[in-house]
């Protein structure tokens, strides 16, 4: 048993163009640009769909993003000016998108306000989904990604617990209530029109998740953005105050442009120091309301960091929840099936099995689960199960006004400790948070590994979320992206899908 000790892990470096290394994504992109490879887009092939006003706002934003945007505070280290899209990514952003599809703003406003919320969100999604599908099936050179620009009321009323004011509600034409619809779906009906009417109840009450899930079959890559994000200065009250608080224009450009570049097959950065042959997998369980009779989905995010490439998702649906220990576990057979897919995916990309394979989960792995995983791993692969979850059971304070430094680790033994992935960042000269930061509980639950090395890996995995251009996240990308994958896969009955990259889900 190792002595209790507090250590400071070094901040992981990121790799950029010209094989250069930097600590902060914005520094590396500004100075050296993104990683260079065959997938680097020479030009952005973007499609835009929205109301007439939404498309006009996108044009306004895109024009700004092609040029320089000053930082909100030039004296603050955590603010950075936006140099312009081509200056950052060495990729041209044309003045006009590949296509612009206008949707009826009045019809959209009426649809999202329908009293039956399942019908409302289904119809609102359909207003965007149908023309995208039609375009993709008719076009020989479709956009690489789509910007779906939504009015504020679609965001406001397109969420699970949204409530349309009584005076704004409109009548729809749903023939079945939710209860009756679920009954028809689970027991069947002799009447096809009842089955058709019940279909809307197989989808989650979430516009964002439902639209992405429905377009997975088309392999469409989608970025949903609010009109108020693109041009916040156009949404003000009678006192000149903005309708909603947003990030400053330069920060919005950094975040939206980074995810657009990534979703267009570009690679913004990678971890600079990765052991060869290492593979990380995040497993997250989600309640799947689209599965009739009730079930749970096990969603996995697989990342190959030594190549800076290849992310694969898998989802297995079944009764994974255990009342005995109030947690989710796969059966031995399903665990073996999942691990077989993981090893095969790694072998297909690299030609050899992984040397080290880390499974990240929020709960401990059961004996049957681990036996299933182990049975599908070749002898030359070192398999390690790591439990990772946020916790507030331990607080760490230090003298002065600043929070504990990011990268601080408290090793409570050889296999268990606490890691602060949030905290004071010297490069930013600030702690990007409001409350005393909480750590992640990191436990080597199965297999053998060095705890400090595992924590270093987890700290690095917090720096490769390409959905924004931030210094770091609180959660490792394995769990964060597996969670995002689960949100989409359980929003609609997507059926059997081929392996798809992260960009289809986030």
Protein backbone atom coordinates (compact mmCIF):
# COMPACT_ATOMS: atom_id res chain seq x y z
CA UNK A 1 0.00 0.00 0.00
CA UNK A 2 1.51 3.31 -1.11
CA UNK A 3 1.67 6.22 1.30
CA UNK A 4 -0.97 8.92 0.99
CA UNK A 5 0.44 11.67 -1.15
CA UNK A 6 -0.52 14.83 -3.01
CA UNK A 7 1.18 15.39 -6.38
CA UNK A 8 0.99 17.83 -9.27
CA UNK A 9 0.68 16.23 -12.69
CA UNK A 10 2.24 18.11 -15.62
CA UNK A 11 -0.19 19.72 -18.06
CA UNK A 12 -0.47 17.50 -21.17
CA UNK A 13 0.77 19.07 -24.40
CA UNK A 14 -1.12 19.04 -27.68
CA UNK A 15 0.26 18.43 -31.16
CA UNK A 16 -0.40 20.83 -34.07
CA UNK A 17 0.90 21.52 -37.55
CA UNK A 18 4.62 21.19 -38.31
CA UNK A 19 4.88 18.71 -35.40
CA UNK A 20 4.76 21.56 -32.92
CA UNK A 21 3.52 21.25 -29.33
CA UNK A 22 1.59 23.72 -27.24
CA UNK A 23 -0.41 23.64 -24.02
CA UNK A 24 -3.45 25.65 -25.17
CA UNK A 25 -5.46 24.78 -28.33
CA UNK A 26 -5.85 28.45 -29.30
CA UNK A 27 -2.10 29.05 -29.05
CA UNK A 28 -1.29 26.04 -31.20
CA UNK A 29 -3.89 26.80 -33.88
CA UNK A 30 -2.90 30.47 -34.02
CA UNK A 31 0.84 29.79 -34.33
CA UNK A 32 1.06 26.51 -36.25
CA UNK A 33 -2.41 25.58 -37.52
CA UNK A 34 -4.12 22.17 -37.29
CA UNK A 35 -2.67 18.76 -37.97
CA UNK A 36 -1.86 18.16 -41.62
CA UNK A 37 -3.11 14.98 -43.25
CA UNK A 38 -4.96 13.74 -46.33
CA UNK A 39 -8.35 14.51 -44.76
CA UNK A 40 -7.56 18.21 -44.33
CA UNK A 41 -10.33 20.08 -46.22
CA UNK A 42 -9.09 22.59 -48.77
CA UNK A 43 -12.45 24.32 -48.69
CA UNK A 44 -15.46 24.18 -46.40
CA UNK A 45 -18.43 22.49 -48.07
CA UNK A 46 -21.26 23.76 -45.90
CA UNK A 47 -25.02 23.53 -46.29
CA UNK A 48 -27.33 25.86 -44.37
CA UNK A 49 -30.99 25.38 -43.52
CA UNK A 50 -33.16 27.79 -41.59
CA UNK A 51 -35.83 30.43 -41.86
CA UNK A 52 -35.19 33.38 -44.17
CA UNK A 53 -34.03 35.42 -41.17
CA UNK A 54 -31.91 32.55 -39.87
CA UNK A 55 -30.06 32.14 -43.17
CA UNK A 56 -29.41 35.87 -43.34
CA UNK A 57 -28.00 35.78 -39.82
CA UNK A 58 -25.75 32.88 -40.77
CA UNK A 59 -24.42 34.88 -43.72
CA UNK A 60 -23.67 37.78 -41.38
CA UNK A 61 -21.85 35.53 -38.92
CA UNK A 62 -19.90 33.66 -41.63
CA UNK A 63 -18.68 36.95 -43.09
CA UNK A 64 -17.39 37.97 -39.66
CA UNK A 65 -15.81 34.55 -39.06
CA UNK A 66 -13.81 34.81 -42.28
CA UNK A 67 -12.07 37.87 -40.87
CA UNK A 68 -10.48 39.17 -37.70
CA UNK A 69 -12.57 39.53 -34.51
CA UNK A 70 -10.92 41.30 -31.54
CA UNK A 71 -10.96 39.70 -28.11
CA UNK A 72 -13.42 40.87 -25.49
CA UNK A 73 -10.55 41.81 -23.18
CA UNK A 74 -7.04 42.07 -24.60
CA UNK A 75 -5.55 42.21 -21.09
CA UNK A 76 -7.10 38.92 -19.95
CA UNK A 77 -5.08 35.77 -20.67
CA UNK A 78 -8.21 33.64 -21.09
CA UNK A 79 -9.52 35.82 -23.93
CA UNK A 80 -8.08 35.53 -27.44
CA UNK A 81 -8.79 37.41 -30.65
CA UNK A 82 -10.09 35.40 -33.60
CA UNK A 83 -7.62 35.68 -36.56
CA UNK A 84 -10.07 34.52 -39.25
CA UNK A 85 -11.03 31.03 -40.43
CA UNK A 86 -8.48 30.60 -43.23
CA UNK A 87 -5.71 32.13 -41.11
CA UNK A 88 -6.34 29.53 -38.38
CA UNK A 89 -7.12 26.36 -40.34
CA UNK A 90 -5.53 27.00 -43.77
CA UNK A 91 -8.93 26.14 -45.24
CA UNK A 92 -11.03 28.45 -47.37
CA UNK A 93 -14.53 29.39 -46.25
CA UNK A 94 -16.44 30.42 -49.42
CA UNK A 95 -18.68 33.46 -49.39
CA UNK A 96 -21.70 31.31 -50.24
CA UNK A 97 -22.56 27.86 -48.86
CA UNK A 98 -22.99 24.85 -51.14
CA UNK A 99 -26.72 25.22 -50.63
CA UNK A 100 -29.18 27.30 -48.65
CA UNK A 101 -32.56 25.79 -47.83
CA UNK A 102 -35.27 28.09 -46.52
CA UNK A 103 -37.97 26.71 -44.27
CA UNK A 104 -41.32 28.33 -43.51
CA UNK A 105 -40.87 30.34 -40.31
CA UNK A 106 -44.60 30.62 -39.66
CA UNK A 107 -45.17 26.88 -40.10
CA UNK A 108 -42.20 26.19 -37.81
CA UNK A 109 -43.51 28.54 -35.11
CA UNK A 110 -46.95 26.89 -35.29
CA UNK A 111 -45.51 23.36 -35.21
CA UNK A 112 -43.31 23.85 -32.13
CA UNK A 113 -46.32 25.24 -30.22
CA UNK A 114 -48.65 22.28 -30.81
CA UNK A 115 -50.25 21.18 -27.55
CA UNK A 116 -49.16 17.54 -27.88
CA UNK A 117 -45.42 17.88 -27.28
CA UNK A 118 -44.50 14.66 -29.13
CA UNK A 119 -46.36 15.87 -32.20
CA UNK A 120 -44.90 19.38 -31.86
CA UNK A 121 -41.26 18.28 -31.79
CA UNK A 122 -41.79 15.60 -34.44
CA UNK A 123 -43.30 18.12 -36.86
CA UNK A 124 -40.65 20.76 -36.09
CA UNK A 125 -37.90 18.18 -36.72
CA UNK A 126 -39.62 17.13 -39.95
CA UNK A 127 -39.53 20.70 -41.27
CA UNK A 128 -35.72 20.44 -41.27
CA UNK A 129 -35.23 16.70 -41.75
CA UNK A 130 -37.35 16.26 -44.90
CA UNK A 131 -35.59 18.87 -47.11
CA UNK A 132 -32.15 17.72 -45.92
CA UNK A 133 -32.98 14.12 -46.84
CA UNK A 134 -34.36 15.20 -50.20
CA UNK A 135 -31.27 17.25 -51.00
CA UNK A 136 -28.84 14.50 -49.95
CA UNK A 137 -30.61 11.93 -52.10
CA UNK A 138 -30.71 14.18 -55.17
CA UNK A 139 -27.26 15.78 -54.95
CA UNK A 140 -24.13 14.17 -56.37
CA UNK A 141 -21.82 16.44 -54.35
CA UNK A 142 -23.59 17.15 -51.03
CA UNK A 143 -22.22 19.37 -48.24
CA UNK A 144 -19.76 17.83 -45.81
CA UNK A 145 -21.73 19.31 -42.93
CA UNK A 146 -24.95 21.22 -42.30
CA UNK A 147 -25.62 24.26 -40.17
CA UNK A 148 -29.19 24.01 -38.89
CA UNK A 149 -30.11 27.53 -37.76
CA UNK A 150 -33.05 27.53 -35.37
CA UNK A 151 -35.16 30.40 -34.01
CA UNK A 152 -35.13 30.90 -30.26
CA UNK A 153 -38.62 29.45 -29.77
CA UNK A 154 -37.51 26.11 -31.26
CA UNK A 155 -34.73 25.96 -28.67
CA UNK A 156 -37.08 27.09 -25.92
CA UNK A 157 -39.92 24.69 -26.67
CA UNK A 158 -37.92 21.83 -28.18
CA UNK A 159 -36.65 20.41 -24.89
CA UNK A 160 -38.03 17.61 -22.67
CA UNK A 161 -39.53 19.78 -19.92
CA UNK A 162 -40.53 22.76 -22.04
CA UNK A 163 -43.96 24.24 -21.46
CA UNK A 164 -45.72 26.35 -24.07
CA UNK A 165 -47.83 29.12 -22.46
CA UNK A 166 -51.51 28.23 -22.68
CA UNK A 167 -52.34 31.26 -24.79
CA UNK A 168 -49.72 30.29 -27.41
CA UNK A 169 -50.67 26.63 -27.81
CA UNK A 170 -52.04 25.40 -31.11
CA UNK A 171 -54.09 22.33 -31.91
CA UNK A 172 -52.45 19.50 -33.76
CA UNK A 173 -53.88 16.44 -35.44
CA UNK A 174 -52.49 13.63 -33.26
CA UNK A 175 -55.08 10.86 -33.07
CA UNK A 176 -53.69 9.10 -29.99
CA UNK A 177 -52.60 10.27 -26.55
CA UNK A 178 -49.15 9.28 -25.31
CA UNK A 179 -50.59 6.52 -23.12
CA UNK A 180 -52.70 5.11 -25.95
CA UNK A 181 -49.81 5.43 -28.37
CA UNK A 182 -47.39 3.52 -26.16
CA UNK A 183 -50.03 0.81 -25.67
CA UNK A 184 -50.40 0.41 -29.43
CA UNK A 185 -46.64 0.26 -29.91
CA UNK A 186 -46.20 -2.41 -27.24
CA UNK A 187 -49.24 -4.58 -28.01
CA UNK A 188 -49.82 -3.90 -31.70
CA UNK A 189 -52.99 -3.04 -33.57
CA UNK A 190 -55.04 -4.39 -36.44
CA UNK A 191 -55.30 -0.90 -37.87
CA UNK A 192 -52.27 0.47 -39.68
CA UNK A 193 -53.36 4.07 -39.16
CA UNK A 194 -53.22 3.51 -35.37
CA UNK A 195 -49.70 2.13 -35.68
CA UNK A 196 -48.70 5.13 -37.80
CA UNK A 197 -50.30 7.57 -35.33
CA UNK A 198 -48.42 5.97 -32.43
CA UNK A 199 -44.99 6.29 -34.08
CA UNK A 200 -44.34 9.80 -32.70
CA UNK A 201 -44.15 8.31 -29.18
CA UNK A 202 -41.01 6.34 -30.03
CA UNK A 203 -38.96 9.54 -30.13
CA UNK A 204 -37.47 11.57 -27.30
CA UNK A 205 -38.89 15.01 -26.54
CA UNK A 206 -35.71 16.77 -27.63
CA UNK A 207 -35.45 18.62 -30.94
CA UNK A 208 -31.65 18.56 -31.00
CA UNK A 209 -31.25 14.83 -30.27
CA UNK A 210 -34.19 13.74 -32.40
CA UNK A 211 -33.04 15.61 -35.53
CA UNK A 212 -29.51 14.21 -35.29
CA UNK A 213 -30.79 10.69 -34.64
CA UNK A 214 -33.17 10.75 -37.60
CA UNK A 215 -30.41 11.91 -39.94
CA UNK A 216 -27.90 9.22 -38.91
CA UNK A 217 -29.20 6.92 -41.63
CA UNK A 218 -28.18 9.57 -44.18
CA UNK A 219 -24.78 9.96 -42.50
CA UNK A 220 -25.50 13.68 -42.32
CA UNK A 221 -23.19 15.73 -40.10
CA UNK A 222 -25.17 18.46 -38.37
CA UNK A 223 -24.34 21.54 -36.29
CA UNK A 224 -27.46 23.02 -34.69
CA UNK A 225 -27.02 26.68 -33.80
CA UNK A 226 -29.40 29.29 -32.41
CA UNK A 227 -30.01 32.52 -34.28
CA UNK A 228 -29.26 34.39 -31.05
CA UNK A 229 -25.78 32.82 -30.99
CA UNK A 230 -24.94 34.02 -34.48
CA UNK A 231 -26.06 37.64 -34.10
CA UNK A 232 -26.78 38.33 -30.41
CA UNK A 233 -26.67 42.09 -31.01
CA UNK A 234 -29.85 41.82 -33.09
CA UNK A 235 -31.84 40.45 -30.16
CA UNK A 236 -32.26 43.24 -27.62
CA UNK A 237 -35.13 44.53 -25.46
CA UNK A 238 -36.49 48.07 -25.39
CA UNK A 239 -33.69 49.05 -23.00
CA UNK A 240 -30.97 47.85 -25.35
CA UNK A 241 -30.13 44.75 -23.31
CA UNK A 242 -29.37 41.51 -25.16
CA UNK A 243 -32.12 38.90 -25.15
CA UNK A 244 -29.76 36.30 -23.68
CA UNK A 245 -26.24 36.25 -22.33
CA UNK A 246 -23.81 34.79 -24.86
CA UNK A 247 -20.07 34.40 -25.18
CA UNK A 248 -18.21 37.25 -26.83
CA UNK A 249 -18.00 37.15 -30.67
CA UNK A 250 -14.35 36.03 -30.76
CA UNK A 251 -14.99 33.10 -28.41
CA UNK A 252 -18.09 32.08 -30.39
CA UNK A 253 -15.97 32.10 -33.56
CA UNK A 254 -13.25 29.95 -31.96
CA UNK A 255 -15.80 27.39 -30.77
CA UNK A 256 -18.12 27.23 -33.79
CA UNK A 257 -15.30 27.26 -36.34
CA UNK A 258 -13.31 24.56 -34.53
CA UNK A 259 -16.27 22.20 -34.46
CA UNK A 260 -17.12 23.05 -38.10
CA UNK A 261 -13.55 22.21 -39.16
CA UNK A 262 -13.65 18.96 -37.18
CA UNK A 263 -17.05 18.01 -38.60
CA UNK A 264 -15.65 18.59 -42.08
CA UNK A 265 -13.06 15.82 -41.44
CA UNK A 266 -10.29 18.15 -40.27
CA UNK A 267 -8.14 17.28 -37.26
CA UNK A 268 -7.58 20.39 -35.12
CA UNK A 269 -5.04 18.82 -32.72
CA UNK A 270 -4.10 15.64 -30.90
CA UNK A 271 -2.35 14.66 -27.71
CA UNK A 272 1.37 15.14 -28.25
CA UNK A 273 2.61 12.32 -26.06
CA UNK A 274 0.76 9.04 -26.39
CA UNK A 275 2.18 5.59 -25.78
CA UNK A 276 2.07 3.46 -28.95
CA UNK A 277 -0.68 0.87 -29.07
CA UNK A 278 -2.94 2.45 -26.47
CA UNK A 279 -6.71 2.53 -26.91
CA UNK A 280 -9.39 4.09 -24.71
CA UNK A 281 -13.05 3.14 -24.52
CA UNK A 282 -15.78 4.93 -22.61
CA UNK A 283 -18.95 3.05 -21.64
CA UNK A 284 -22.13 4.87 -20.67
CA UNK A 285 -25.61 3.45 -20.04
CA UNK A 286 -28.75 5.29 -21.07
CA UNK A 287 -32.45 4.64 -20.58
CA UNK A 288 -33.85 3.88 -24.02
CA UNK A 289 -37.49 4.93 -24.31
CA UNK A 290 -37.49 4.01 -28.00
CA UNK A 291 -37.07 0.32 -27.10
CA UNK A 292 -40.53 -1.14 -26.65
CA UNK A 293 -41.10 -2.72 -23.26
CA UNK A 294 -38.38 -0.61 -21.67
CA UNK A 295 -34.66 -1.25 -21.87
CA UNK A 296 -31.27 0.39 -21.53
CA UNK A 297 -28.61 1.09 -24.11
CA UNK A 298 -24.92 0.56 -23.54
CA UNK A 299 -23.11 3.19 -25.60
CA UNK A 300 -19.40 3.12 -26.25
CA UNK A 301 -16.93 5.67 -27.55
CA UNK A 302 -13.62 4.26 -28.78
CA UNK A 303 -10.62 6.48 -29.40
CA UNK A 304 -7.30 5.70 -31.10
CA UNK A 305 -4.95 8.38 -29.86
CA UNK A 306 -1.67 7.08 -31.22
CA UNK A 307 -2.91 7.70 -34.77
CA UNK A 308 -4.96 10.76 -33.89
CA UNK A 309 -7.74 9.10 -35.84
CA UNK A 310 -10.60 6.65 -35.81
CA UNK A 311 -13.45 6.90 -33.37
CA UNK A 312 -16.06 4.15 -33.32
CA UNK A 313 -19.41 3.95 -31.57
CA UNK A 314 -21.31 0.90 -30.52
CA UNK A 315 -24.70 0.55 -28.88
CA UNK A 316 -26.20 -2.60 -27.34
CA UNK A 317 -29.78 -2.49 -26.04
CA UNK A 318 -31.04 -4.75 -23.25
CA UNK A 319 -32.18 -5.03 -19.62
CA UNK A 320 -28.85 -3.92 -18.16
CA UNK A 321 -30.11 -2.35 -14.91
CA UNK A 322 -29.60 -4.42 -11.78
CA UNK A 323 -31.97 -3.83 -8.87
CA UNK A 324 -29.57 -5.73 -6.61
CA UNK A 325 -26.79 -3.13 -6.67
CA UNK A 326 -28.69 -0.26 -8.35
CA UNK A 327 -26.27 -0.05 -11.27
CA UNK A 328 -25.92 -1.07 -14.93
CA UNK A 329 -24.00 -4.12 -16.12
CA UNK A 330 -23.74 -6.07 -19.36
CA UNK A 331 -24.11 -9.84 -19.43
CA UNK A 332 -21.00 -11.90 -20.02
CA UNK A 333 -22.10 -12.62 -23.60
CA UNK A 334 -22.86 -9.01 -24.49
CA UNK A 335 -19.65 -7.80 -22.87
CA UNK A 336 -17.70 -10.28 -25.01
CA UNK A 337 -19.55 -9.18 -28.17
CA UNK A 338 -18.80 -5.52 -27.46
CA UNK A 339 -15.13 -6.16 -26.73
CA UNK A 340 -14.80 -8.22 -29.91
CA UNK A 341 -16.05 -5.26 -31.92
CA UNK A 342 -13.62 -2.94 -30.13
CA UNK A 343 -10.57 -5.15 -30.75
CA UNK A 344 -11.57 -5.75 -34.37
CA UNK A 345 -11.99 -2.01 -34.98
CA UNK A 346 -8.51 -1.35 -33.59
CA UNK A 347 -7.02 -4.17 -35.66
CA UNK A 348 -8.71 -2.91 -38.83
CA UNK A 349 -7.13 0.51 -38.37
CA UNK A 350 -3.67 -0.48 -37.14
CA UNK A 351 -3.13 -4.03 -38.40
CA UNK A 352 -2.35 -5.31 -34.89
CA UNK A 353 -4.30 -5.60 -31.63
CA UNK A 354 -3.88 -2.85 -29.01
CA UNK A 355 -1.03 -3.17 -26.53
CA UNK A 356 -3.06 -1.45 -23.80
CA UNK A 357 -6.85 -1.16 -23.70
CA UNK A 358 -8.46 1.00 -21.02
CA UNK A 359 -12.20 0.82 -20.38
CA UNK A 360 -13.58 3.91 -18.65
CA UNK A 361 -16.91 3.61 -16.85
CA UNK A 362 -18.82 5.43 -14.13
CA UNK A 363 -19.52 2.24 -12.15
CA UNK A 364 -17.46 -0.76 -11.15
CA UNK A 365 -17.45 -3.71 -13.54
CA UNK A 366 -19.20 -6.93 -12.42
CA UNK A 367 -17.47 -10.31 -12.48
CA UNK A 368 -19.56 -11.53 -15.43
CA UNK A 369 -18.95 -8.27 -17.29
CA UNK A 370 -15.20 -8.46 -16.82
CA UNK A 371 -15.04 -12.12 -17.75
CA UNK A 372 -16.82 -11.24 -20.98
CA UNK A 373 -14.43 -8.39 -21.74
CA UNK A 374 -11.37 -10.49 -20.91
CA UNK A 375 -12.48 -13.45 -23.04
CA UNK A 376 -12.47 -11.31 -26.19
CA UNK A 377 -9.07 -9.67 -25.67
CA UNK A 378 -5.96 -11.31 -27.17
CA UNK A 379 -3.20 -12.38 -24.73
CA UNK A 380 -0.85 -9.60 -25.86
CA UNK A 381 -3.33 -6.87 -24.88
CA UNK A 382 -3.22 -5.48 -21.35
CA UNK A 383 -6.85 -4.84 -20.32
CA UNK A 384 -7.58 -2.34 -17.56
CA UNK A 385 -10.94 -1.26 -16.15
CA UNK A 386 -11.06 2.26 -14.71
CA UNK A 387 -13.93 3.72 -12.73
CA UNK A 388 -14.26 7.49 -13.18
CA UNK A 389 -16.94 9.69 -11.69
CA UNK A 390 -17.25 13.27 -10.46
CA UNK A 391 -17.51 13.54 -6.70
CA UNK A 392 -17.89 16.21 -4.04
CA UNK A 393 -16.88 13.93 -1.18
CA UNK A 394 -13.48 15.62 -0.95
CA UNK A 395 -12.65 19.33 -1.11
CA UNK A 396 -9.14 20.70 -1.45
CA UNK A 397 -8.43 24.33 -0.60
CA UNK A 398 -5.22 26.30 -0.73
CA UNK A 399 -4.06 29.57 0.77
CA UNK A 400 -4.88 32.72 -1.17
CA UNK A 401 -7.73 33.58 -3.50
CA UNK A 402 -7.11 31.07 -6.28
CA UNK A 403 -8.57 27.58 -6.53
CA UNK A 404 -6.56 24.38 -6.40
CA UNK A 405 -4.46 23.99 -9.54
CA UNK A 406 -5.73 21.81 -12.38
CA UNK A 407 -3.75 18.57 -12.47
CA UNK A 408 -3.55 18.21 -8.70
CA UNK A 409 -3.90 14.55 -7.70
CA UNK A 410 -4.42 12.95 -4.30
CA UNK A 411 -3.27 9.34 -4.42
CA UNK A 412 -5.03 7.47 -1.63
CA UNK A 413 -3.34 4.20 -2.53
CA UNK A 414 -2.03 2.15 -5.44
CA UNK A 415 -5.43 1.86 -7.15
CA UNK A 416 -7.56 4.75 -5.92
CA UNK A 417 -7.33 8.53 -5.83
CA UNK A 418 -8.78 11.93 -6.70
CA UNK A 419 -7.86 14.05 -9.71
CA UNK A 420 -8.70 17.74 -10.16
CA UNK A 421 -9.32 18.27 -13.87
CA UNK A 422 -10.82 21.67 -13.09
CA UNK A 423 -8.98 24.37 -11.22
CA UNK A 424 -6.59 27.28 -11.57
CA UNK A 425 -4.78 27.29 -14.93
CA UNK A 426 -1.49 29.20 -15.03
CA UNK A 427 -1.64 29.73 -18.82
CA UNK A 428 -5.05 31.41 -18.46
CA UNK A 429 -4.09 33.16 -15.21
CA UNK A 430 -7.51 32.25 -13.84
CA UNK A 431 -9.81 29.47 -12.72
CA UNK A 432 -12.56 29.19 -15.38
CA UNK A 433 -15.29 28.39 -12.88
CA UNK A 434 -17.39 29.81 -10.08
CA UNK A 435 -17.38 27.29 -7.23
CA UNK A 436 -14.68 25.37 -5.40
CA UNK A 437 -13.68 22.74 -8.00
CA UNK A 438 -14.59 19.13 -7.34
CA UNK A 439 -12.31 16.25 -8.32
CA UNK A 440 -12.87 13.10 -10.32
CA UNK A 441 -12.71 9.85 -8.40
CA UNK A 442 -10.32 7.59 -10.35
CA UNK A 443 -10.11 3.92 -9.43
CA UNK A 444 -8.30 1.07 -11.15
CA UNK A 445 -11.04 -1.48 -10.56
CA UNK A 446 -9.89 -4.29 -12.83
CA UNK A 447 -6.51 -5.23 -14.27
CA UNK A 448 -3.12 -3.82 -13.41
CA UNK A 449 -1.79 -0.32 -14.15
CA UNK A 450 0.12 2.51 -12.54
CA UNK A 451 -2.38 4.94 -10.95
CA UNK A 452 -0.32 8.05 -11.71
CA UNK A 453 -0.08 7.04 -15.38
CA UNK A 454 -3.84 6.39 -15.51
CA UNK A 455 -4.51 9.83 -14.02
CA UNK A 456 -2.13 11.45 -16.51
CA UNK A 457 -4.05 9.74 -19.31
CA UNK A 458 -7.38 10.98 -17.93
CA UNK A 459 -6.03 14.53 -17.66
CA UNK A 460 -4.94 14.39 -21.30
CA UNK A 461 -8.31 13.04 -22.41
CA UNK A 462 -9.97 16.19 -21.05
CA UNK A 463 -8.18 18.22 -23.75
CA UNK A 464 -9.47 16.66 -26.97
CA UNK A 465 -13.10 17.73 -27.15
CA UNK A 466 -13.26 19.17 -30.66
CA UNK A 467 -16.81 20.39 -30.15
CA UNK A 468 -15.30 23.62 -28.81
CA UNK A 469 -11.92 25.30 -28.60
CA UNK A 470 -11.45 25.32 -24.84
CA UNK A 471 -8.37 24.73 -22.73
CA UNK A 472 -9.82 21.57 -21.17
CA UNK A 473 -13.02 19.89 -20.02
CA UNK A 474 -13.82 18.41 -16.64
CA UNK A 475 -14.58 14.91 -17.98
CA UNK A 476 -12.33 12.80 -20.22
CA UNK A 477 -13.51 12.64 -23.81
CA UNK A 478 -14.18 8.90 -23.50
CA UNK A 479 -17.05 9.44 -21.07
CA UNK A 480 -18.13 12.83 -22.42
CA UNK A 481 -18.51 11.61 -26.00
CA UNK A 482 -19.99 8.25 -24.99
CA UNK A 483 -22.61 10.25 -23.11
CA UNK A 484 -23.28 12.38 -26.22
CA UNK A 485 -23.50 9.25 -28.35
CA UNK A 486 -26.00 7.77 -25.92
CA UNK A 487 -28.17 10.89 -26.05
CA UNK A 488 -28.52 10.54 -29.82
CA UNK A 489 -28.82 6.75 -30.03
CA UNK A 490 -31.65 6.71 -27.46
CA UNK A 491 -33.54 9.67 -28.96
CA UNK A 492 -34.98 7.63 -31.83
CA UNK A 493 -35.22 4.00 -33.02
CA UNK A 494 -32.11 4.21 -35.19
CA UNK A 495 -31.77 0.47 -35.91
CA UNK A 496 -28.45 -1.12 -36.83
CA UNK A 497 -25.93 1.50 -37.81
CA UNK A 498 -22.42 1.11 -39.18
CA UNK A 499 -19.57 2.58 -37.14
CA UNK A 500 -19.73 6.36 -37.45
CA UNK A 501 -17.22 9.00 -36.28
CA UNK A 502 -17.84 11.39 -33.40
CA UNK A 503 -18.80 14.21 -35.73
CA UNK A 504 -22.17 12.58 -36.49
CA UNK A 505 -23.18 12.72 -32.83
CA UNK A 506 -21.72 15.76 -31.10
